[in-house]
Protein backbone atom coordinates (compact mmCIF):
# COMPACT_ATOMS: atom_id res chain seq x y z
CA UNK A 1 4.15 -20.49 14.32
CA UNK A 2 2.58 -17.83 12.10
CA UNK A 3 -0.65 -17.38 10.19
CA UNK A 4 -1.55 -20.60 8.33
CA UNK A 5 -0.50 -20.69 4.71
CA UNK A 6 -2.85 -21.75 1.91
CA UNK A 7 -2.26 -25.08 0.22
CA UNK A 8 1.02 -24.90 -1.61
CA UNK A 9 1.91 -26.44 -4.93
CA UNK A 10 4.86 -28.81 -5.04
CA UNK A 11 8.01 -26.74 -5.39
CA UNK A 12 10.21 -27.89 -8.24
CA UNK A 13 13.89 -26.95 -8.24
CA UNK A 14 15.15 -24.74 -11.04
CA UNK A 15 16.68 -26.84 -13.79
CA UNK A 16 20.44 -26.68 -14.23
CA UNK A 17 20.00 -25.50 -17.82
CA UNK A 18 17.93 -22.54 -16.69
CA UNK A 19 20.45 -21.65 -14.00
CA UNK A 20 23.17 -21.53 -16.65
CA UNK A 21 20.98 -19.24 -18.78
CA UNK A 22 20.33 -17.01 -15.78
CA UNK A 23 24.07 -16.75 -15.09
CA UNK A 24 24.67 -15.77 -18.69
CA UNK A 25 21.92 -13.13 -18.57
CA UNK A 26 22.57 -11.61 -15.13
CA UNK A 27 26.11 -12.60 -14.14
CA UNK A 28 26.78 -11.73 -10.52
CA UNK A 29 23.30 -10.17 -10.31
CA UNK A 30 21.94 -13.70 -9.86
CA UNK A 31 22.00 -14.80 -6.23
CA UNK A 32 21.36 -18.22 -4.73
CA UNK A 33 22.58 -17.15 -1.27
CA UNK A 34 20.27 -18.20 1.56
CA UNK A 35 20.35 -14.77 3.23
CA UNK A 36 19.37 -12.98 0.00
CA UNK A 37 16.61 -15.49 -0.76
CA UNK A 38 15.29 -15.23 2.80
CA UNK A 39 15.15 -11.43 2.57
CA UNK A 40 13.09 -11.72 -0.63
CA UNK A 41 10.72 -14.26 0.88
CA UNK A 42 9.37 -12.24 3.79
CA UNK A 43 7.28 -9.11 4.17
CA UNK A 44 5.24 -7.39 6.89
CA UNK A 45 2.42 -9.95 6.67
CA UNK A 46 1.77 -12.46 9.49
CA UNK A 47 2.90 -15.35 7.27
CA UNK A 48 6.17 -17.23 7.80
CA UNK A 49 8.94 -16.59 5.25
CA UNK A 50 8.67 -18.40 1.92
CA UNK A 51 11.93 -17.72 0.09
CA UNK A 52 12.33 -18.08 -3.68
CA UNK A 53 14.85 -20.48 -5.18
CA UNK A 54 16.85 -17.62 -6.67
CA UNK A 55 16.94 -13.82 -6.84
CA UNK A 56 17.86 -11.75 -9.88
CA UNK A 57 18.50 -8.00 -9.90
CA UNK A 58 17.21 -6.55 -13.17
CA UNK A 59 18.56 -3.41 -14.83
CA UNK A 60 16.30 -2.96 -17.86
CA UNK A 61 12.96 -3.81 -19.44
CA UNK A 62 14.79 -5.93 -22.03
CA UNK A 63 16.38 -8.01 -19.27
CA UNK A 64 12.99 -8.56 -17.63
CA UNK A 65 11.47 -9.59 -20.98
CA UNK A 66 14.30 -12.06 -21.60
CA UNK A 67 13.84 -13.45 -18.09
CA UNK A 68 10.10 -13.95 -18.60
CA UNK A 69 10.67 -15.80 -21.89
CA UNK A 70 13.20 -18.01 -20.12
CA UNK A 71 10.76 -18.66 -17.27
CA UNK A 72 8.00 -19.55 -19.75
CA UNK A 73 10.27 -22.08 -21.46
CA UNK A 74 11.04 -23.75 -18.12
CA UNK A 75 7.66 -23.07 -16.43
CA UNK A 76 9.30 -21.32 -13.46
CA UNK A 77 7.33 -18.80 -11.31
CA UNK A 78 8.45 -15.16 -11.15
CA UNK A 79 7.66 -12.84 -8.22
CA UNK A 80 8.28 -9.10 -8.72
CA UNK A 81 9.98 -7.40 -5.74
CA UNK A 82 10.44 -3.73 -4.83
CA UNK A 83 11.51 -3.09 -1.23
CA UNK A 84 9.40 -5.72 0.56
CA UNK A 85 6.98 -3.53 2.52
CA UNK A 86 3.75 -5.30 1.53
CA UNK A 87 1.32 -6.45 4.22
CA UNK A 88 -0.71 -9.28 2.69
CA UNK A 89 1.92 -11.81 1.56
CA UNK A 90 2.27 -10.41 -1.96
CA UNK A 91 5.88 -11.39 -2.49
CA UNK A 92 6.05 -14.82 -0.83
CA UNK A 93 7.21 -17.59 -3.15
CA UNK A 94 4.31 -20.04 -2.71
CA UNK A 95 5.57 -22.24 -5.53
CA UNK A 96 9.24 -21.37 -5.35
CA UNK A 97 10.76 -19.79 -8.44
CA UNK A 98 12.64 -16.54 -8.92
CA UNK A 99 12.28 -13.20 -7.16
CA UNK A 100 12.72 -10.39 -9.69
CA UNK A 101 14.25 -7.52 -7.72
CA UNK A 102 13.60 -4.24 -9.58
CA UNK A 103 15.17 -1.94 -6.98
CA UNK A 104 18.25 -1.32 -9.13
CA UNK A 105 16.07 -0.04 -11.98
CA UNK A 106 16.06 3.34 -10.26
CA UNK A 107 16.49 5.94 -13.00
CA UNK A 108 14.26 8.98 -13.47
CA UNK A 109 13.90 8.70 -17.24
CA UNK A 110 12.22 11.97 -18.19
CA UNK A 111 10.80 14.98 -16.37
CA UNK A 112 8.31 17.12 -18.31
CA UNK A 113 7.55 20.06 -16.01
CA UNK A 114 5.46 21.89 -18.64
CA UNK A 115 3.13 18.87 -18.82
CA UNK A 116 3.34 18.08 -15.09
CA UNK A 117 4.51 14.51 -15.80
CA UNK A 118 7.50 12.33 -15.06
CA UNK A 119 8.55 8.89 -16.32
CA UNK A 120 10.57 6.64 -14.01
CA UNK A 121 11.85 3.11 -13.79
CA UNK A 122 10.01 0.82 -11.40
CA UNK A 123 12.71 0.83 -8.71
CA UNK A 124 12.63 4.58 -8.07
CA UNK A 125 11.29 5.23 -4.56
CA UNK A 126 8.83 7.99 -3.74
CA UNK A 127 11.37 9.89 -1.62
CA UNK A 128 14.02 9.63 -4.33
CA UNK A 129 11.56 10.92 -6.91
CA UNK A 130 10.59 13.97 -4.87
CA UNK A 131 14.24 14.74 -4.15
CA UNK A 132 15.14 14.63 -7.85
CA UNK A 133 12.26 16.85 -9.00
CA UNK A 134 12.37 19.35 -6.12
CA UNK A 135 14.01 22.07 -8.24
CA UNK A 136 11.14 21.98 -10.75
CA UNK A 137 8.67 23.29 -8.19
CA UNK A 138 6.64 20.08 -8.55
CA UNK A 139 6.08 17.05 -6.34
CA UNK A 140 4.50 13.61 -6.37
CA UNK A 141 1.95 13.40 -3.55
CA UNK A 142 1.13 9.71 -3.08
CA UNK A 143 2.54 8.75 0.31
CA UNK A 144 1.76 5.25 1.65
CA UNK A 145 4.11 5.78 4.59
CA UNK A 146 6.93 3.41 3.73
CA UNK A 147 9.52 4.58 1.20
CA UNK A 148 8.11 2.15 -1.34
CA UNK A 149 9.16 1.87 -4.98
CA UNK A 150 6.94 3.50 -7.59
CA UNK A 151 6.60 0.13 -9.35
CA UNK A 152 5.40 -1.53 -6.16
CA UNK A 153 3.02 1.35 -5.47
CA UNK A 154 1.51 0.98 -8.94
CA UNK A 155 1.29 -2.80 -8.64
CA UNK A 156 -0.62 -2.59 -5.35
CA UNK A 157 -2.67 0.52 -6.25
CA UNK A 158 -1.19 2.31 -3.25
CA UNK A 159 -2.90 5.17 -1.49
CA UNK A 160 -1.80 6.95 1.67
CA UNK A 161 -2.05 10.10 3.69
CA UNK A 162 -2.59 12.53 0.78
CA UNK A 163 -5.26 10.52 -1.02
CA UNK A 164 -8.16 12.63 0.26
CA UNK A 165 -6.94 15.50 -1.94
CA UNK A 166 -4.72 13.99 -4.63
CA UNK A 167 -6.24 10.54 -5.11
CA UNK A 168 -4.49 7.16 -5.25
CA UNK A 169 -2.09 5.56 -7.70
CA UNK A 170 -5.10 4.69 -9.86
CA UNK A 171 -5.72 8.38 -10.56
CA UNK A 172 -2.06 9.37 -10.86
CA UNK A 173 -0.58 6.80 -13.24
CA UNK A 174 -0.82 7.93 -16.86
CA UNK A 175 1.02 5.09 -18.58
CA UNK A 176 3.03 1.94 -17.93
CA UNK A 177 5.61 -0.20 -19.62
CA UNK A 178 4.83 -3.81 -18.72
CA UNK A 179 6.32 -7.19 -19.54
CA UNK A 180 3.49 -9.70 -19.94
CA UNK A 181 3.44 -13.36 -18.97
CA UNK A 182 4.53 -14.24 -22.50
CA UNK A 183 7.60 -12.01 -22.41
CA UNK A 184 6.10 -9.27 -24.59
CA UNK A 185 6.71 -5.59 -23.82
CA UNK A 186 3.54 -3.47 -23.76
CA UNK A 187 3.20 0.30 -23.46
CA UNK A 188 -0.29 0.85 -22.08
CA UNK A 189 -0.82 4.52 -23.02
CA UNK A 190 0.82 7.80 -24.08
CA UNK A 191 1.46 10.85 -21.90
CA UNK A 192 -1.81 12.56 -22.78
CA UNK A 193 -4.01 13.29 -19.75
CA UNK A 194 -6.99 11.45 -21.24
CA UNK A 195 -7.74 8.99 -24.02
CA UNK A 196 -10.66 7.03 -25.45
CA UNK A 197 -8.41 4.73 -27.48
CA UNK A 198 -9.30 1.12 -26.68
CA UNK A 199 -9.41 -0.77 -23.41
CA UNK A 200 -7.84 0.95 -20.41
CA UNK A 201 -4.86 -1.36 -19.97
CA UNK A 202 -3.18 1.07 -17.58
CA UNK A 203 -5.93 0.70 -14.98
CA UNK A 204 -5.94 -3.06 -15.46
CA UNK A 205 -2.28 -3.38 -14.52
CA UNK A 206 -2.47 -0.84 -11.68
CA UNK A 207 -3.41 -2.97 -8.69
CA UNK A 208 -2.71 -6.31 -10.38
CA UNK A 209 0.02 -7.13 -7.80
CA UNK A 210 2.40 -8.63 -10.34
CA UNK A 211 -0.10 -11.30 -11.47
CA UNK A 212 -0.73 -9.92 -14.98
CA UNK A 213 2.64 -8.45 -15.86
CA UNK A 214 5.87 -7.01 -14.46
CA UNK A 215 5.78 -3.21 -14.43
CA UNK A 216 9.15 -1.75 -15.45
CA UNK A 217 8.40 1.93 -16.23
CA UNK A 218 5.72 4.33 -15.00
CA UNK A 219 4.57 7.75 -16.19
CA UNK A 220 3.03 9.80 -13.37
CA UNK A 221 1.15 13.03 -12.83
CA UNK A 222 2.97 15.71 -10.86
CA UNK A 223 1.56 18.67 -8.90
CA UNK A 224 2.85 22.16 -8.10
CA UNK A 225 4.35 22.44 -4.66
CA UNK A 226 1.82 24.36 -2.54
CA UNK A 227 2.57 27.97 -1.69
CA UNK A 228 1.70 27.40 1.96
CA UNK A 229 1.41 24.28 4.13
CA UNK A 230 0.10 24.07 7.65
CA UNK A 231 -0.48 21.04 9.89
CA UNK A 232 -2.47 20.68 13.07
CA UNK A 233 -3.28 18.08 15.71
CA UNK A 234 -6.59 17.98 17.50
CA UNK A 235 -7.71 15.70 20.35
CA UNK A 236 -11.27 14.45 20.86
CA UNK A 237 -13.24 12.85 23.69
CA UNK A 238 -14.20 9.88 21.48
CA UNK A 239 -13.20 8.34 18.15
CA UNK A 240 -16.75 8.93 16.93
CA UNK A 241 -16.39 12.67 17.56
CA UNK A 242 -13.16 12.72 15.56
CA UNK A 243 -14.71 10.82 12.67
CA UNK A 244 -17.83 13.03 12.68
CA UNK A 245 -15.53 16.04 12.36
CA UNK A 246 -13.88 14.41 9.36
CA UNK A 247 -17.20 13.60 7.69
CA UNK A 248 -18.56 17.12 8.07
CA UNK A 249 -15.28 18.60 6.81
CA UNK A 250 -15.45 16.51 3.63
CA UNK A 251 -19.17 17.13 3.12
CA UNK A 252 -18.58 20.89 3.35
CA UNK A 253 -16.04 20.62 0.56
CA UNK A 254 -13.03 21.80 2.55
CA UNK A 255 -10.03 20.76 0.38
CA UNK A 256 -7.85 19.33 3.16
CA UNK A 257 -4.70 17.58 1.96
CA UNK A 258 -4.44 15.04 4.77
CA UNK A 259 -6.73 13.87 7.54
CA UNK A 260 -5.36 11.05 9.71
CA UNK A 261 -6.96 9.36 12.70
CA UNK A 262 -5.05 7.84 15.62
CA UNK A 263 -7.04 6.21 18.40
CA UNK A 264 -5.93 6.60 22.03
CA UNK A 265 -3.93 3.36 22.01
CA UNK A 266 -2.04 4.41 18.88
CA UNK A 267 -1.27 7.83 20.38
CA UNK A 268 0.08 6.07 23.47
CA UNK A 269 2.33 3.91 21.29
CA UNK A 270 3.56 6.90 19.26
CA UNK A 271 4.33 8.84 22.44
CA UNK A 272 6.34 5.92 23.83
CA UNK A 273 8.38 5.52 20.64
CA UNK A 274 8.86 9.17 19.65
CA UNK A 275 8.63 11.00 22.97
CA UNK A 276 6.02 13.46 21.68
CA UNK A 277 3.91 13.95 24.81
CA UNK A 278 0.63 14.12 22.86
CA UNK A 279 -2.64 13.85 24.85
CA UNK A 280 -3.48 10.16 24.93
CA UNK A 281 -6.92 10.63 23.43
CA UNK A 282 -8.33 9.98 19.93
CA UNK A 283 -6.58 12.42 17.62
CA UNK A 284 -6.83 13.84 14.12
CA UNK A 285 -3.80 15.07 12.20
CA UNK A 286 -4.67 17.60 9.51
CA UNK A 287 -2.61 19.15 6.76
CA UNK A 288 -3.70 22.07 4.59
CA UNK A 289 -2.20 23.02 1.19
CA UNK A 290 -2.76 26.15 -0.88
CA UNK A 291 -2.23 29.89 -0.73
CA UNK A 292 -1.56 31.48 2.64
CA UNK A 293 -5.09 32.92 2.71
CA UNK A 294 -6.65 29.65 1.55
CA UNK A 295 -4.81 27.58 4.15
CA UNK A 296 -5.88 29.97 6.91
CA UNK A 297 -9.52 29.79 5.77
CA UNK A 298 -9.47 25.98 5.61
CA UNK A 299 -7.95 25.76 9.07
CA UNK A 300 -10.51 28.12 10.60
CA UNK A 301 -13.39 26.13 9.12
CA UNK A 302 -12.04 22.79 10.36
CA UNK A 303 -11.28 24.21 13.80
CA UNK A 304 -14.88 25.43 14.12
CA UNK A 305 -16.25 22.02 13.12
CA UNK A 306 -13.91 20.26 15.55
CA UNK A 307 -14.97 22.44 18.46
CA UNK A 308 -18.62 21.56 17.82
CA UNK A 309 -17.62 17.95 18.48
CA UNK A 310 -15.80 18.65 21.72
CA UNK A 311 -12.28 18.97 20.36
CA UNK A 312 -9.47 20.21 22.57
CA UNK A 313 -5.75 20.92 22.30
CA UNK A 314 -5.83 22.21 18.73
CA UNK A 315 -2.12 22.73 18.05
CA UNK A 316 -0.47 24.10 14.92
CA UNK A 317 2.76 23.07 13.22
CA UNK A 318 3.62 25.57 10.50
CA UNK A 319 7.41 25.17 10.56
CA UNK A 320 8.70 22.43 8.21
CA UNK A 321 10.68 20.75 10.99
CA UNK A 322 7.61 20.57 13.26
CA UNK A 323 5.46 19.13 10.46
CA UNK A 324 8.14 16.61 9.60
CA UNK A 325 8.34 15.46 13.22
CA UNK A 326 4.58 14.93 13.37
CA UNK A 327 4.32 13.08 10.08
CA UNK A 328 7.40 10.98 10.81
CA UNK A 329 5.66 9.85 14.00
CA UNK A 330 2.52 9.01 11.99
CA UNK A 331 4.50 7.09 9.37
CA UNK A 332 6.24 5.10 12.12
CA UNK A 333 2.99 4.39 13.97
CA UNK A 334 2.97 0.79 12.70
CA UNK A 335 6.33 0.06 14.33
CA UNK A 336 5.29 1.97 17.44
CA UNK A 337 2.20 -0.23 17.76
CA UNK A 338 4.32 -3.39 17.50
CA UNK A 339 6.09 -2.30 20.69
CA UNK A 340 2.79 -2.47 22.61
CA UNK A 341 3.21 -6.27 22.64
CA UNK A 342 6.88 -7.23 22.31
CA UNK A 343 7.50 -10.33 20.21
CA UNK A 344 4.14 -10.06 18.48
CA UNK A 345 3.22 -10.13 14.79
CA UNK A 346 0.66 -7.72 13.44
CA UNK A 347 -2.36 -8.81 11.45
CA UNK A 348 -2.67 -5.39 9.85
CA UNK A 349 -6.02 -5.30 8.14
CA UNK A 350 -7.56 -2.36 6.32
CA UNK A 351 -11.02 -1.64 4.97
CA UNK A 352 -12.72 1.30 3.30
CA UNK A 353 -16.39 2.28 3.51
CA UNK A 354 -18.54 5.13 2.17
CA UNK A 355 -17.69 8.10 4.34
CA UNK A 356 -21.27 8.38 5.64
CA UNK A 357 -20.82 4.95 7.29
CA UNK A 358 -17.29 5.54 8.58
CA UNK A 359 -18.14 6.59 12.14
CA UNK A 360 -20.46 3.61 12.54
CA UNK A 361 -17.90 1.19 11.12
CA UNK A 362 -15.03 2.39 13.32
CA UNK A 363 -17.20 2.62 16.46
CA UNK A 364 -18.45 -0.96 16.01
CA UNK A 365 -14.91 -2.16 15.30
CA UNK A 366 -13.60 -0.56 18.50
CA UNK A 367 -16.45 -2.13 20.46
CA UNK A 368 -15.60 -5.51 18.94
CA UNK A 369 -11.86 -5.31 19.57
CA UNK A 370 -12.38 -4.03 23.12
CA UNK A 371 -13.89 -7.44 23.99
CA UNK A 372 -10.83 -9.23 22.64
CA UNK A 373 -7.72 -10.05 24.70
CA UNK A 374 -5.53 -8.82 21.83
CA UNK A 375 -4.41 -5.19 21.52
CA UNK A 376 -5.82 -3.74 18.29
CA UNK A 377 -4.87 -0.08 17.77
CA UNK A 378 -6.72 1.75 14.99
CA UNK A 379 -5.38 4.45 12.68
CA UNK A 380 -6.05 5.48 9.15
CA UNK A 381 -6.74 7.85 6.29
CA UNK A 382 -10.24 8.67 7.42
CA UNK A 383 -10.58 11.52 4.94
CA UNK A 384 -11.40 8.96 2.25
CA UNK A 385 -13.17 6.39 4.45
CA UNK A 386 -10.15 4.12 4.95
CA UNK A 387 -8.80 2.84 8.28
CA UNK A 388 -6.36 0.22 9.52
CA UNK A 389 -6.48 -2.08 12.51
CA UNK A 390 -3.19 -3.60 13.74
CA UNK A 391 -4.22 -6.77 15.58
CA UNK A 392 -1.22 -7.84 17.69
CA UNK A 393 -0.81 -11.58 18.28
CA UNK A 394 1.89 -13.81 19.73
CA UNK A 395 3.05 -16.04 16.84
CA UNK A 396 3.73 -18.90 19.29
CA UNK A 397 0.11 -18.94 20.52
CA UNK A 398 -2.35 -20.71 18.18
CA UNK A 399 -5.28 -19.31 20.17
CA UNK A 400 -4.08 -15.74 19.57
CA UNK A 401 -3.56 -16.37 15.86
CA UNK A 402 -7.08 -17.77 15.63
CA UNK A 403 -8.47 -14.75 17.50
CA UNK A 404 -6.61 -12.35 15.19
CA UNK A 405 -8.09 -14.03 12.12
CA UNK A 406 -11.55 -13.94 13.72
CA UNK A 407 -11.29 -10.20 14.33
CA UNK A 408 -9.95 -9.63 10.83
CA UNK A 409 -12.88 -11.53 9.35
CA UNK A 410 -15.41 -9.55 11.39
CA UNK A 411 -13.86 -6.21 10.39
CA UNK A 412 -14.05 -7.13 6.71
CA UNK A 413 -17.59 -8.52 6.98
CA UNK A 414 -18.71 -5.31 8.69
CA UNK A 415 -17.20 -3.16 5.92
CA UNK A 416 -18.78 -5.26 3.17
CA UNK A 417 -22.17 -5.04 4.89
CA UNK A 418 -21.80 -1.24 4.68
CA UNK A 419 -21.10 -1.39 0.93
CA UNK A 420 -17.38 -1.02 1.53
CA UNK A 421 -14.36 -3.03 0.40
CA UNK A 422 -12.18 -5.68 2.05
CA UNK A 423 -9.06 -3.63 1.36
CA UNK A 424 -8.75 0.09 0.76
CA UNK A 425 -5.05 0.10 -0.05
CA UNK A 426 -3.08 -2.91 1.23
CA UNK A 427 -4.21 -5.12 -1.65
CA UNK A 428 -5.30 -8.76 -1.74
CA UNK A 429 -2.10 -10.80 -1.90
CA UNK A 430 -2.78 -14.16 -0.25
CA UNK A 431 -4.42 -12.99 2.94
CA UNK A 432 -7.60 -11.51 1.48
CA UNK A 433 -8.26 -13.81 -1.46
CA UNK A 434 -11.24 -15.49 0.22
CA UNK A 435 -12.93 -12.14 0.86
CA UNK A 436 -13.02 -11.30 -2.86
CA UNK A 437 -15.85 -13.77 -3.43
CA UNK A 438 -17.97 -12.03 -0.78
CA UNK A 439 -17.19 -8.63 -2.26
CA UNK A 440 -17.46 -9.34 -5.99
CA UNK A 441 -19.38 -12.59 -6.41
CA UNK A 442 -18.60 -15.76 -8.37
CA UNK A 443 -19.11 -14.35 -11.86
CA UNK A 444 -16.81 -11.38 -11.34
CA UNK A 445 -14.18 -13.61 -9.75
CA UNK A 446 -14.30 -15.99 -12.71
CA UNK A 447 -13.91 -13.02 -15.06
CA UNK A 448 -10.79 -11.99 -13.12
CA UNK A 449 -9.45 -15.55 -13.43
CA UNK A 450 -10.07 -15.48 -17.20
CA UNK A 451 -8.17 -12.19 -17.47
CA UNK A 452 -5.32 -13.75 -15.51
CA UNK A 453 -5.23 -16.79 -17.82
CA UNK A 454 -5.28 -14.53 -20.89
CA UNK A 455 -2.37 -12.36 -19.74
CA UNK A 456 -0.39 -15.17 -18.10
CA UNK A 457 -1.29 -18.48 -19.79
CA UNK A 458 1.19 -20.57 -17.80
CA UNK A 459 0.38 -18.91 -14.44
CA UNK A 460 4.03 -18.06 -13.77
CA UNK A 461 3.52 -14.45 -12.64
CA UNK A 462 3.18 -14.30 -8.85
CA UNK A 463 0.99 -17.42 -8.69
CA UNK A 464 -1.36 -17.91 -5.75
CA UNK A 465 -2.18 -14.21 -5.34
CA UNK A 466 -5.50 -12.34 -5.87
CA UNK A 467 -7.31 -15.13 -7.76
CA UNK A 468 -6.91 -18.91 -7.95
CA UNK A 469 -6.54 -20.37 -11.41
């Protein structure tokens, strides 16, 4: 048993005529194999797998456009797929249909170092991109943890550990090539850094989770690799003390690159998985970018603030290998937390609040989860007011699943009451659709549904996600 699924439409098998057309278009890049379909019908959400009826591996925008026109003619759903790391059921085939795997569209199309831009196909991953542009002295900073595809990161408006300094995908996507729900190819903008020419289609598609169009190419901002980088860990007597340190650091204008919170339970899990021996207390992980003098000044300022809040064990990691070890442990914290309750599934919820309310929100959440029988470690990108709670439940226990959903609902309600959002970076998918009404209201939700109907008249693009039509 897993989290309950919403009401599903009747799944209709793909017509034989369409299958023949798919074979002609994709050849052996069309798969009907059960194992391949199962892989494309599961993610890191608490939902059970919902495999598509078929999987195709696209190689070009023209192929995707031809596929969409074919799907329109046969009224068959299409679900874009990157590497399957989503957390809210984004890629599950609620109504069957075809999973459009874009991972083989993995070419870096053009690097323009003088303009600090790069254009890539949707299947390029963030690690691949940074490897290929390393010699230019530039890098792409958005780091959601998983080695996600750039297309998937744009579709879910990804954020991550560097967002406090460099922003999210919303701020770093300059232009997109998108195939609409009618099979038309749209270029949303040029490479210029700003424009007042018409509606901002780029921002409309960024975060649309494959419901308005299939993103096939992305033009991104790049940044110079910093002259100096330094990382530090710092332990605190309470989570509130750690968060207060973060708030004061931001309010003072210290340009930290990363500021990550791990509560004591998360530190315990990370120690067990990675053998780090960190003090099992609430902890902040900092990273500073800039000149050698600037990094030193930032670090001194933050260290002074931290000490005012009772910080201890301020440890530095200036060598690349030491920094990598720390951040690898942070990136794997999700999997480390799963080992706290073997056999569990994680209801991994995230919210974001104005930074002035962050300490209050996290403190109340910890108080709430402490009264629950379920482990619920907390971690997050507190530098921009965003945190995650991994609620661990036994999928064979209906009472635990119900308790996980109750906690999830309370965390979201608390964030909304503080003028925050139901999801800072995981997206809506299926799991958070009902919270959108509380956050945006009926009129805004209806406007979203009208946009969906305009871009995708037959509702074939990732149906059953974000809004109901």
